[in-house]
Amino acid sequence: MASLPTPSADSRIRVAALREALARRVVVADGAMGTMLQAQDPSLEDFQNLEGCNEILNVTRPDIVRAVHEAYFAVGVDCVETNTFGSNHSAAG
């Protein structure tokens, strides 16, 4: 059975900060991530001809994904997530 990777010091600091925030207040997560990604108007080529497969944008257009994350953080969101649309490695896979 494979072991889990050891978290880095930076990762442990971020986890501790999130736990502290969760203990003190409501933490706001992202909203309509898929809608925001689609609003960036990715091309069919960006989707590797699998229109609407947002997971692929993590590889083909990380700039779009980063821009959406930055937009959420700019308005005060505490945390965001990506690549959970199909709940697996890739909905196309």
C-alpha atoms as a PDB file:
ATOM      1  CA  MET A   1       0.000   0.000   0.000  1.00  0.00           C
ATOM      2  CA  ALA A   2       1.457   3.343  -1.052  1.00  0.00           C
ATOM      3  CA  SER A   3       2.010   5.972   1.608  1.00  0.00           C
ATOM      4  CA  LEU A   4       0.799   9.530   1.331  1.00  0.00           C
ATOM      5  CA  PRO A   5       3.378  12.192   0.470  1.00  0.00           C
ATOM      6  CA  THR A   6       4.820  14.109   3.396  1.00  0.00           C
ATOM      7  CA  PRO A   7       3.395  17.648   3.448  1.00  0.00           C
ATOM      8  CA  SER A   8       5.904  20.446   2.976  1.00  0.00           C
ATOM      9  CA  ALA A   9       6.424  23.092   5.651  1.00  0.00           C
ATOM     10  CA  ASP A  10       4.560  25.591   3.452  1.00  0.00           C
ATOM     11  CA  SER A  11       1.668  23.172   3.077  1.00  0.00           C
ATOM     12  CA  ARG A  12       1.498  22.626   6.839  1.00  0.00           C
ATOM     13  CA  ILE A  13       1.444  26.397   7.407  1.00  0.00           C
ATOM     14  CA  ARG A  14      -1.417  26.831   4.936  1.00  0.00           C
ATOM     15  CA  VAL A  15      -3.381  23.964   6.493  1.00  0.00           C
ATOM     16  CA  ALA A  16      -2.897  25.447   9.965  1.00  0.00           C
ATOM     17  CA  ALA A  17      -4.047  28.876   8.751  1.00  0.00           C
ATOM     18  CA  LEU A  18      -7.159  27.361   7.154  1.00  0.00           C
ATOM     19  CA  ARG A  19      -7.983  25.397  10.306  1.00  0.00           C
ATOM     20  CA  GLU A  20      -7.588  28.553  12.396  1.00  0.00           C
ATOM     21  CA  ALA A  21      -9.887  30.475  10.039  1.00  0.00           C
ATOM     22  CA  LEU A  22     -12.464  27.661  10.147  1.00  0.00           C
ATOM     23  CA  ALA A  23     -12.439  27.758  13.946  1.00  0.00           C
ATOM     24  CA  ARG A  24     -13.057  31.521  14.043  1.00  0.00           C
ATOM     25  CA  ARG A  25     -15.468  32.289  11.187  1.00  0.00           C
ATOM     26  CA  VAL A  26     -17.358  31.118   8.160  1.00  0.00           C
ATOM     27  CA  VAL A  27     -14.897  30.441   5.361  1.00  0.00           C
ATOM     28  CA  VAL A  28     -16.114  31.268   1.878  1.00  0.00           C
ATOM     29  CA  ALA A  29     -15.219  28.845  -0.896  1.00  0.00           C
ATOM     30  CA  ASP A  30     -15.496  29.455  -4.623  1.00  0.00           C
ATOM     31  CA  GLY A  31     -18.744  29.940  -6.437  1.00  0.00           C
ATOM     32  CA  ALA A  32     -19.535  28.992 -10.018  1.00  0.00           C
ATOM     33  CA  MET A  33     -16.059  27.909 -11.142  1.00  0.00           C
ATOM     34  CA  GLY A  34     -17.284  26.232 -14.334  1.00  0.00           C
ATOM     35  CA  THR A  35     -19.329  29.263 -15.289  1.00  0.00           C
ATOM     36  CA  MET A  36     -16.343  31.534 -14.714  1.00  0.00           C
ATOM     37  CA  LEU A  37     -14.095  29.291 -16.820  1.00  0.00           C
ATOM     38  CA  GLN A  38     -16.633  29.257 -19.649  1.00  0.00           C
ATOM     39  CA  ALA A  39     -16.905  33.053 -19.471  1.00  0.00           C
ATOM     40  CA  GLN A  40     -13.225  33.210 -20.464  1.00  0.00           C
ATOM     41  CA  ASP A  41     -14.413  31.940 -23.880  1.00  0.00           C
ATOM     42  CA  PRO A  42     -12.002  29.010 -24.314  1.00  0.00           C
ATOM     43  CA  SER A  43     -11.800  27.607 -27.837  1.00  0.00           C
ATOM     44  CA  LEU A  44     -12.639  24.088 -28.936  1.00  0.00           C
ATOM     45  CA  GLU A  45      -8.888  23.611 -29.359  1.00  0.00           C
ATOM     46  CA  ASP A  46      -8.412  24.608 -25.699  1.00  0.00           C
ATOM     47  CA  PHE A  47     -10.798  21.771 -24.823  1.00  0.00           C
ATOM     48  CA  GLN A  48      -8.852  19.375 -27.090  1.00  0.00           C
ATOM     49  CA  ASN A  49     -12.082  18.993 -29.087  1.00  0.00           C
ATOM     50  CA  LEU A  50     -13.993  17.897 -25.971  1.00  0.00           C
ATOM     51  CA  GLU A  51     -16.179  20.974 -25.644  1.00  0.00           C
ATOM     52  CA  GLY A  52     -17.022  21.850 -22.077  1.00  0.00           C
ATOM     53  CA  CYS A  53     -14.475  19.504 -20.475  1.00  0.00           C
ATOM     54  CA  ASN A  54     -13.212  22.039 -17.949  1.00  0.00           C
ATOM     55  CA  GLU A  55     -10.649  19.646 -16.446  1.00  0.00           C
ATOM     56  CA  ILE A  56      -8.566  19.855 -19.616  1.00  0.00           C
ATOM     57  CA  LEU A  57      -8.169  23.616 -19.170  1.00  0.00           C
ATOM     58  CA  ASN A  58      -5.873  22.888 -16.214  1.00  0.00           C
ATOM     59  CA  VAL A  59      -3.370  21.552 -18.762  1.00  0.00           C
ATOM     60  CA  THR A  60      -4.143  23.473 -21.942  1.00  0.00           C
ATOM     61  CA  ARG A  61      -5.012  26.899 -20.488  1.00  0.00           C
ATOM     62  CA  PRO A  62      -3.693  27.213 -16.941  1.00  0.00           C
ATOM     63  CA  ASP A  63      -3.724  30.987 -17.511  1.00  0.00           C
ATOM     64  CA  ILE A  64      -7.533  30.900 -17.667  1.00  0.00           C
ATOM     65  CA  VAL A  65      -7.755  28.815 -14.506  1.00  0.00           C
ATOM     66  CA  ARG A  66      -5.317  31.134 -12.701  1.00  0.00           C
ATOM     67  CA  ALA A  67      -7.263  34.226 -13.831  1.00  0.00           C
ATOM     68  CA  VAL A  68     -10.485  32.811 -12.415  1.00  0.00           C
ATOM     69  CA  HIS A  69      -8.779  31.947  -9.116  1.00  0.00           C
ATOM     70  CA  GLU A  70      -7.277  35.445  -8.929  1.00  0.00           C
ATOM     71  CA  ALA A  71     -10.693  37.007  -9.593  1.00  0.00           C
ATOM     72  CA  TYR A  72     -12.219  35.081  -6.694  1.00  0.00           C
ATOM     73  CA  PHE A  73      -9.349  35.961  -4.348  1.00  0.00           C
ATOM     74  CA  ALA A  74      -9.589  39.630  -5.374  1.00  0.00           C
ATOM     75  CA  VAL A  75     -13.125  39.818  -3.955  1.00  0.00           C
ATOM     76  CA  GLY A  76     -12.247  38.088  -0.692  1.00  0.00           C
ATOM     77  CA  VAL A  77     -12.891  34.396  -1.237  1.00  0.00           C
ATOM     78  CA  ASP A  78     -10.842  32.283   1.176  1.00  0.00           C
ATOM     79  CA  CYS A  79     -10.239  29.202  -0.952  1.00  0.00           C
ATOM     80  CA  VAL A  80     -10.857  27.867  -4.436  1.00  0.00           C
ATOM     81  CA  GLU A  81     -10.688  24.459  -6.074  1.00  0.00           C
ATOM     82  CA  THR A  82     -10.410  23.214  -9.608  1.00  0.00           C
ATOM     83  CA  ASN A  83     -10.556  19.914 -11.483  1.00  0.00           C
ATOM     84  CA  THR A  84     -13.444  18.454  -9.523  1.00  0.00           C
ATOM     85  CA  PHE A  85     -16.076  18.846 -12.213  1.00  0.00           C
ATOM     86  CA  GLY A  86     -16.052  15.192 -13.222  1.00  0.00           C
ATOM     87  CA  SER A  87     -14.855  13.993  -9.784  1.00  0.00           C
ATOM     88  CA  ASN A  88     -12.008  12.103 -11.362  1.00  0.00           C
ATOM     89  CA  HIS A  89      -8.625  12.616 -13.059  1.00  0.00           C
ATOM     90  CA  SER A  90     -10.290  13.820 -16.231  1.00  0.00           C
ATOM     91  CA  ALA A  91     -13.848  13.428 -17.422  1.00  0.00           C
ATOM     92  CA  ALA A  92     -12.373  12.739 -20.865  1.00  0.00           C
ATOM     93  CA  GLY A  93     -10.101   9.978 -19.544  1.00  0.00           C
END
